[in-house]
Amino acid sequence: MKEPIVHIKRYVRTHPAAMINADTSFEITKIEGGVFFEVQNGNSKPRIVSVGDRISMDQAYEISLNSHTVIEPVYPN
């Protein structure tokens, strides 16, 4: 079976979206070959994430271990 391809936006530090909540500066924009991923949410039970969800750097790394990942940086205007 083919590995899914996940497209993720990364808001850089000076972007307003990253300044508001620096812990979740990644956003899943597209998943090819899959619908959702199960990632760890700190010490609590796993979290299900899909397109449009904001995730942390650790969660983005966890997704990259199970799929091909394309990360697109987003800079402020």
PDB file of N, CA and C in Angstrom:
ATOM      1  N   MET A   1       0.835  -1.181   0.000  1.00  0.00           N
ATOM      2  CA  MET A   1       0.000   0.000   0.000  1.00  0.00           C
ATOM      3  C   MET A   1       0.881   1.246   0.000  1.00  0.00           C
ATOM      4  N   LYS A   2       0.475   2.248  -0.766  1.00  0.00           N
ATOM      5  CA  LYS A   2       1.232   3.490  -0.859  1.00  0.00           C
ATOM      6  C   LYS A   2       1.107   4.303   0.422  1.00  0.00           C
ATOM      7  N   GLU A   3       2.206   4.965   0.776  1.00  0.00           N
ATOM      8  CA  GLU A   3       2.145   5.858   1.933  1.00  0.00           C
ATOM      9  C   GLU A   3       1.360   7.112   1.569  1.00  0.00           C
ATOM     10  N   PRO A   4       0.588   7.643   2.504  1.00  0.00           N
ATOM     11  CA  PRO A   4      -0.137   8.883   2.220  1.00  0.00           C
ATOM     12  C   PRO A   4       0.822  10.062   2.081  1.00  0.00           C
ATOM     13  N   ILE A   5       0.362  11.080   1.383  1.00  0.00           N
ATOM     14  CA  ILE A   5       1.118  12.324   1.227  1.00  0.00           C
ATOM     15  C   ILE A   5       0.361  13.407   1.984  1.00  0.00           C
ATOM     16  N   VAL A   6       1.051  14.071   2.911  1.00  0.00           N
ATOM     17  CA  VAL A   6       0.422  15.082   3.745  1.00  0.00           C
ATOM     18  C   VAL A   6       1.051  16.433   3.444  1.00  0.00           C
ATOM     19  N   HIS A   7       0.212  17.426   3.136  1.00  0.00           N
ATOM     20  CA  HIS A   7       0.664  18.790   2.897  1.00  0.00           C
ATOM     21  C   HIS A   7       0.386  19.602   4.154  1.00  0.00           C
ATOM     22  N   ILE A   8       1.426  20.254   4.669  1.00  0.00           N
ATOM     23  CA  ILE A   8       1.313  21.010   5.913  1.00  0.00           C
ATOM     24  C   ILE A   8       1.852  22.415   5.706  1.00  0.00           C
ATOM     25  N   LYS A   9       1.110  23.421   6.208  1.00  0.00           N
ATOM     26  CA  LYS A   9       1.598  24.800   6.227  1.00  0.00           C
ATOM     27  C   LYS A   9       2.292  25.039   7.551  1.00  0.00           C
ATOM     28  N   ARG A  10       3.438  25.699   7.503  1.00  0.00           N
ATOM     29  CA  ARG A  10       4.112  26.089   8.739  1.00  0.00           C
ATOM     30  C   ARG A  10       4.153  27.606   8.798  1.00  0.00           C
ATOM     31  N   TYR A  11       3.491  28.144   9.788  1.00  0.00           N
ATOM     32  CA  TYR A  11       3.495  29.590   9.989  1.00  0.00           C
ATOM     33  C   TYR A  11       4.784  29.970  10.707  1.00  0.00           C
ATOM     34  N   VAL A  12       5.584  30.851  10.078  1.00  0.00           N
ATOM     35  CA  VAL A  12       6.865  31.247  10.670  1.00  0.00           C
ATOM     36  C   VAL A  12       6.620  32.150  11.876  1.00  0.00           C
ATOM     37  N   ARG A  13       7.646  32.358  12.671  1.00  0.00           N
ATOM     38  CA  ARG A  13       7.509  33.063  13.947  1.00  0.00           C
ATOM     39  C   ARG A  13       6.896  34.448  13.847  1.00  0.00           C
ATOM     40  N   THR A  14       7.173  35.168  12.786  1.00  0.00           N
ATOM     41  CA  THR A  14       6.653  36.533  12.683  1.00  0.00           C
ATOM     42  C   THR A  14       5.252  36.598  12.090  1.00  0.00           C
ATOM     43  N   HIS A  15       4.721  35.474  11.656  1.00  0.00           N
ATOM     44  CA  HIS A  15       3.354  35.438  11.125  1.00  0.00           C
ATOM     45  C   HIS A  15       2.369  35.583  12.284  1.00  0.00           C
ATOM     46  N   PRO A  16       1.300  36.379  12.122  1.00  0.00           N
ATOM     47  CA  PRO A  16       0.330  36.572  13.211  1.00  0.00           C
ATOM     48  C   PRO A  16      -0.265  35.275  13.763  1.00  0.00           C
ATOM     49  N   ALA A  17      -0.515  34.292  12.908  1.00  0.00           N
ATOM     50  CA  ALA A  17      -1.071  33.015  13.377  1.00  0.00           C
ATOM     51  C   ALA A  17      -0.088  32.299  14.304  1.00  0.00           C
ATOM     52  N   ALA A  18       1.206  32.439  14.047  1.00  0.00           N
ATOM     53  CA  ALA A  18       2.217  31.807  14.901  1.00  0.00           C
ATOM     54  C   ALA A  18       2.429  32.601  16.181  1.00  0.00           C
ATOM     55  N   MET A  19       2.242  33.910  16.105  1.00  0.00           N
ATOM     56  CA  MET A  19       2.437  34.740  17.289  1.00  0.00           C
ATOM     57  C   MET A  19       1.314  34.533  18.306  1.00  0.00           C
ATOM     58  N   ILE A  20       0.109  34.254  17.829  1.00  0.00           N
ATOM     59  CA  ILE A  20      -1.025  34.054  18.727  1.00  0.00           C
ATOM     60  C   ILE A  20      -0.865  32.760  19.514  1.00  0.00           C
ATOM     61  N   ASN A  21      -0.519  31.692  18.834  1.00  0.00           N
ATOM     62  CA  ASN A  21      -0.357  30.403  19.498  1.00  0.00           C
ATOM     63  C   ASN A  21       0.867  29.704  18.916  1.00  0.00           C
ATOM     64  N   ALA A  22       2.023  29.919  19.528  1.00  0.00           N
ATOM     65  CA  ALA A  22       3.279  29.383  19.004  1.00  0.00           C
ATOM     66  C   ALA A  22       3.344  27.862  19.085  1.00  0.00           C
ATOM     67  N   ASP A  23       2.550  27.240  19.953  1.00  0.00           N
ATOM     68  CA  ASP A  23       2.594  25.787  20.112  1.00  0.00           C
ATOM     69  C   ASP A  23       1.995  25.052  18.917  1.00  0.00           C
ATOM     70  N   THR A  24       1.059  25.680  18.212  1.00  0.00           N
ATOM     71  CA  THR A  24       0.414  25.025  17.068  1.00  0.00           C
ATOM     72  C   THR A  24       0.633  25.857  15.808  1.00  0.00           C
ATOM     73  N   SER A  25       1.873  25.919  15.364  1.00  0.00           N
ATOM     74  CA  SER A  25       2.199  26.732  14.194  1.00  0.00           C
ATOM     75  C   SER A  25       2.171  25.939  12.891  1.00  0.00           C
ATOM     76  N   PHE A  26       1.618  24.720  12.908  1.00  0.00           N
ATOM     77  CA  PHE A  26       1.480  23.888  11.714  1.00  0.00           C
ATOM     78  C   PHE A  26       0.000  23.645  11.454  1.00  0.00           C
ATOM     79  N   GLU A  27      -0.385  23.606  10.159  1.00  0.00           N
ATOM     80  CA  GLU A  27      -1.775  23.334   9.794  1.00  0.00           C
ATOM     81  C   GLU A  27      -1.801  22.335   8.648  1.00  0.00           C
ATOM     82  N   ILE A  28      -2.602  21.286   8.781  1.00  0.00           N
ATOM     83  CA  ILE A  28      -2.733  20.282   7.726  1.00  0.00           C
ATOM     84  C   ILE A  28      -3.654  20.861   6.648  1.00  0.00           C
ATOM     85  N   THR A  29      -3.159  20.954   5.407  1.00  0.00           N
ATOM     86  CA  THR A  29      -3.959  21.535   4.329  1.00  0.00           C
ATOM     87  C   THR A  29      -4.508  20.489   3.364  1.00  0.00           C
ATOM     88  N   LYS A  30      -3.838  19.330   3.264  1.00  0.00           N
ATOM     89  CA  LYS A  30      -4.286  18.317   2.313  1.00  0.00           C
ATOM     90  C   LYS A  30      -3.701  16.964   2.702  1.00  0.00           C
ATOM     91  N   ILE A  31      -4.518  15.921   2.579  1.00  0.00           N
ATOM     92  CA  ILE A  31      -4.042  14.552   2.804  1.00  0.00           C
ATOM     93  C   ILE A  31      -4.428  13.723   1.575  1.00  0.00           C
ATOM     94  N   GLU A  32      -3.425  13.181   0.891  1.00  0.00           N
ATOM     95  CA  GLU A  32      -3.664  12.331  -0.274  1.00  0.00           C
ATOM     96  C   GLU A  32      -3.450  10.878   0.151  1.00  0.00           C
ATOM     97  N   GLY A  33      -4.451  10.045  -0.053  1.00  0.00           N
ATOM     98  CA  GLY A  33      -4.330   8.634   0.287  1.00  0.00           C
ATOM     99  C   GLY A  33      -4.652   8.325   1.741  1.00  0.00           C
ATOM    100  N   GLY A  34      -5.360   9.207   2.401  1.00  0.00           N
ATOM    101  CA  GLY A  34      -5.745   8.991   3.791  1.00  0.00           C
ATOM    102  C   GLY A  34      -6.780  10.025   4.198  1.00  0.00           C
ATOM    103  N   VAL A  35      -7.352   9.842   5.377  1.00  0.00           N
ATOM    104  CA  VAL A  35      -8.385  10.753   5.857  1.00  0.00           C
ATOM    105  C   VAL A  35      -7.966  11.427   7.155  1.00  0.00           C
ATOM    106  N   PHE A  36      -7.318  10.672   8.053  1.00  0.00           N
ATOM    107  CA  PHE A  36      -6.921  11.235   9.335  1.00  0.00           C
ATOM    108  C   PHE A  36      -5.682  10.520   9.857  1.00  0.00           C
ATOM    109  N   PHE A  37      -5.060  11.102  10.883  1.00  0.00           N
ATOM    110  CA  PHE A  37      -3.923  10.514  11.568  1.00  0.00           C
ATOM    111  C   PHE A  37      -4.191  10.533  13.060  1.00  0.00           C
ATOM    112  N   GLU A  38      -3.623   9.577  13.756  1.00  0.00           N
ATOM    113  CA  GLU A  38      -3.696   9.550  15.207  1.00  0.00           C
ATOM    114  C   GLU A  38      -2.333   9.973  15.731  1.00  0.00           C
ATOM    115  N   VAL A  39      -2.296  11.058  16.518  1.00  0.00           N
ATOM    116  CA  VAL A  39      -1.038  11.584  17.054  1.00  0.00           C
ATOM    117  C   VAL A  39      -1.160  11.706  18.568  1.00  0.00           C
ATOM    118  N   GLN A  40      -0.015  11.731  19.228  1.00  0.00           N
ATOM    119  CA  GLN A  40       0.001  11.883  20.681  1.00  0.00           C
ATOM    120  C   GLN A  40      -0.278  13.340  21.040  1.00  0.00           C
ATOM    121  N   ASN A  41      -1.035  13.532  22.107  1.00  0.00           N
ATOM    122  CA  ASN A  41      -1.411  14.869  22.560  1.00  0.00           C
ATOM    123  C   ASN A  41      -0.863  15.062  23.972  1.00  0.00           C
ATOM    124  N   GLY A  42       0.464  15.233  24.083  1.00  0.00           N
ATOM    125  CA  GLY A  42       1.067  15.345  25.400  1.00  0.00           C
ATOM    126  C   GLY A  42       1.005  14.018  26.128  1.00  0.00           C
ATOM    127  N   ASN A  43       0.614  14.041  27.385  1.00  0.00           N
ATOM    128  CA  ASN A  43       0.515  12.816  28.182  1.00  0.00           C
ATOM    129  C   ASN A  43      -0.874  12.207  28.150  1.00  0.00           C
ATOM    130  N   SER A  44      -1.832  12.903  27.550  1.00  0.00           N
ATOM    131  CA  SER A  44      -3.200  12.391  27.518  1.00  0.00           C
ATOM    132  C   SER A  44      -3.367  11.388  26.370  1.00  0.00           C
ATOM    133  N   LYS A  45      -4.595  10.943  26.160  1.00  0.00           N
ATOM    134  CA  LYS A  45      -4.847   9.943  25.127  1.00  0.00           C
ATOM    135  C   LYS A  45      -4.602  10.522  23.733  1.00  0.00           C
ATOM    136  N   PRO A  46      -4.411   9.664  22.723  1.00  0.00           N
ATOM    137  CA  PRO A  46      -4.120  10.130  21.362  1.00  0.00           C
ATOM    138  C   PRO A  46      -5.227  11.017  20.793  1.00  0.00           C
ATOM    139  N   ARG A  47      -4.843  11.878  19.864  1.00  0.00           N
ATOM    140  CA  ARG A  47      -5.769  12.818  19.224  1.00  0.00           C
ATOM    141  C   ARG A  47      -5.864  12.463  17.746  1.00  0.00           C
ATOM    142  N   ILE A  48      -7.062  12.536  17.195  1.00  0.00           N
ATOM    143  CA  ILE A  48      -7.287  12.304  15.768  1.00  0.00           C
ATOM    144  C   ILE A  48      -7.225  13.659  15.065  1.00  0.00           C
ATOM    145  N   VAL A  49      -6.362  13.781  14.038  1.00  0.00           N
ATOM    146  CA  VAL A  49      -6.247  15.033  13.286  1.00  0.00           C
ATOM    147  C   VAL A  49      -6.532  14.778  11.814  1.00  0.00           C
ATOM    148  N   SER A  50      -7.077  15.793  11.149  1.00  0.00           N
ATOM    149  CA  SER A  50      -7.417  15.708   9.741  1.00  0.00           C
ATOM    150  C   SER A  50      -7.157  17.070   9.094  1.00  0.00           C
ATOM    151  N   VAL A  51      -7.606  17.237   7.871  1.00  0.00           N
ATOM    152  CA  VAL A  51      -7.395  18.483   7.136  1.00  0.00           C
ATOM    153  C   VAL A  51      -8.021  19.650   7.889  1.00  0.00           C
ATOM    154  N   GLY A  52      -7.261  20.745   8.006  1.00  0.00           N
ATOM    155  CA  GLY A  52      -7.741  21.950   8.678  1.00  0.00           C
ATOM    156  C   GLY A  52      -7.352  22.034  10.133  1.00  0.00           C
ATOM    157  N   ASP A  53      -6.833  20.956  10.712  1.00  0.00           N
ATOM    158  CA  ASP A  53      -6.446  20.970  12.122  1.00  0.00           C
ATOM    159  C   ASP A  53      -5.078  21.609  12.295  1.00  0.00           C
ATOM    160  N   ARG A  54      -4.907  22.320  13.411  1.00  0.00           N
ATOM    161  CA  ARG A  54      -3.615  22.908  13.780  1.00  0.00           C
ATOM    162  C   ARG A  54      -2.910  21.919  14.693  1.00  0.00           C
ATOM    163  N   ILE A  55      -1.619  21.719  14.445  1.00  0.00           N
ATOM    164  CA  ILE A  55      -0.854  20.739  15.210  1.00  0.00           C
ATOM    165  C   ILE A  55       0.474  21.346  15.664  1.00  0.00           C
ATOM    166  N   SER A  56       1.088  20.702  16.640  1.00  0.00           N
ATOM    167  CA  SER A  56       2.378  21.159  17.161  1.00  0.00           C
ATOM    168  C   SER A  56       3.516  20.592  16.312  1.00  0.00           C
ATOM    169  N   MET A  57       4.734  21.041  16.597  1.00  0.00           N
ATOM    170  CA  MET A  57       5.899  20.550  15.867  1.00  0.00           C
ATOM    171  C   MET A  57       6.109  19.060  16.133  1.00  0.00           C
ATOM    172  N   ASP A  58       5.899  18.621  17.367  1.00  0.00           N
ATOM    173  CA  ASP A  58       6.059  17.203  17.692  1.00  0.00           C
ATOM    174  C   ASP A  58       5.044  16.342  16.947  1.00  0.00           C
ATOM    175  N   GLN A  59       3.816  16.829  16.840  1.00  0.00           N
ATOM    176  CA  GLN A  59       2.789  16.083  16.117  1.00  0.00           C
ATOM    177  C   GLN A  59       3.087  16.056  14.620  1.00  0.00           C
ATOM    178  N   ALA A  60       3.596  17.163  14.060  1.00  0.00           N
ATOM    179  CA  ALA A  60       3.980  17.182  12.646  1.00  0.00           C
ATOM    180  C   ALA A  60       5.114  16.191  12.384  1.00  0.00           C
ATOM    181  N   TYR A  61       6.054  16.120  13.309  1.00  0.00           N
ATOM    182  CA  TYR A  61       7.148  15.159  13.179  1.00  0.00           C
ATOM    183  C   TYR A  61       6.614  13.728  13.220  1.00  0.00           C
ATOM    184  N   GLU A  62       5.682  13.465  14.118  1.00  0.00           N
ATOM    185  CA  GLU A  62       5.091  12.131  14.233  1.00  0.00           C
ATOM    186  C   GLU A  62       4.372  11.738  12.936  1.00  0.00           C
ATOM    187  N   ILE A  63       3.658  12.674  12.321  1.00  0.00           N
ATOM    188  CA  ILE A  63       2.996  12.410  11.046  1.00  0.00           C
ATOM    189  C   ILE A  63       4.027  12.125   9.964  1.00  0.00           C
ATOM    190  N   SER A  64       5.154  12.850   9.990  1.00  0.00           N
ATOM    191  CA  SER A  64       6.178  12.664   8.959  1.00  0.00           C
ATOM    192  C   SER A  64       6.834  11.284   9.031  1.00  0.00           C
ATOM    193  N   LEU A  65       6.769  10.635  10.185  1.00  0.00           N
ATOM    194  CA  LEU A  65       7.336   9.293  10.304  1.00  0.00           C
ATOM    195  C   LEU A  65       6.491   8.254   9.588  1.00  0.00           C
ATOM    196  N   ASN A  66       5.188   8.536   9.398  1.00  0.00           N
ATOM    197  CA  ASN A  66       4.260   7.573   8.808  1.00  0.00           C
ATOM    198  C   ASN A  66       3.799   7.938   7.411  1.00  0.00           C
ATOM    199  N   SER A  67       4.324   9.003   6.827  1.00  0.00           N
ATOM    200  CA  SER A  67       3.859   9.437   5.510  1.00  0.00           C
ATOM    201  C   SER A  67       4.928  10.296   4.841  1.00  0.00           C
ATOM    202  N   HIS A  68       4.701  10.560   3.562  1.00  0.00           N
ATOM    203  CA  HIS A  68       5.500  11.569   2.872  1.00  0.00           C
ATOM    204  C   HIS A  68       4.906  12.915   3.254  1.00  0.00           C
ATOM    205  N   THR A  69       5.734  13.851   3.640  1.00  0.00           N
ATOM    206  CA  THR A  69       5.234  15.129   4.139  1.00  0.00           C
ATOM    207  C   THR A  69       5.827  16.270   3.330  1.00  0.00           C
ATOM    208  N   VAL A  70       4.963  17.189   2.902  1.00  0.00           N
ATOM    209  CA  VAL A  70       5.366  18.391   2.195  1.00  0.00           C
ATOM    210  C   VAL A  70       5.045  19.566   3.110  1.00  0.00           C
ATOM    211  N   ILE A  71       6.076  20.306   3.507  1.00  0.00           N
ATOM    212  CA  ILE A  71       5.857  21.442   4.402  1.00  0.00           C
ATOM    213  C   ILE A  71       6.108  22.728   3.630  1.00  0.00           C
ATOM    214  N   GLU A  72       5.098  23.607   3.660  1.00  0.00           N
ATOM    215  CA  GLU A  72       5.166  24.886   2.957  1.00  0.00           C
ATOM    216  C   GLU A  72       5.219  26.004   3.994  1.00  0.00           C
ATOM    217  N   PRO A  73       6.315  26.817   3.993  1.00  0.00           N
ATOM    218  CA  PRO A  73       6.374  27.919   4.948  1.00  0.00           C
ATOM    219  C   PRO A  73       5.423  29.047   4.548  1.00  0.00           C
ATOM    220  N   VAL A  74       4.823  29.690   5.531  1.00  0.00           N
ATOM    221  CA  VAL A  74       3.929  30.823   5.282  1.00  0.00           C
ATOM    222  C   VAL A  74       4.502  32.027   6.022  1.00  0.00           C
ATOM    223  N   TYR A  75       4.853  33.056   5.262  1.00  0.00           N
ATOM    224  CA  TYR A  75       5.436  34.279   5.828  1.00  0.00           C
ATOM    225  C   TYR A  75       4.369  35.364   5.871  1.00  0.00           C
ATOM    226  N   PRO A  76       4.544  36.352   6.779  1.00  0.00           N
ATOM    227  CA  PRO A  76       3.590  37.478   6.781  1.00  0.00           C
ATOM    228  C   PRO A  76       3.805  38.323   5.529  1.00  0.00           C
ATOM    229  N   ASN A  77       2.790  39.085   5.159  1.00  0.00           N
ATOM    230  CA  ASN A  77       2.900  39.925   3.947  1.00  0.00           C
ATOM    231  C   ASN A  77       3.912  40.985   4.096  1.00  0.00           C
TER     232      ASN A  77
END
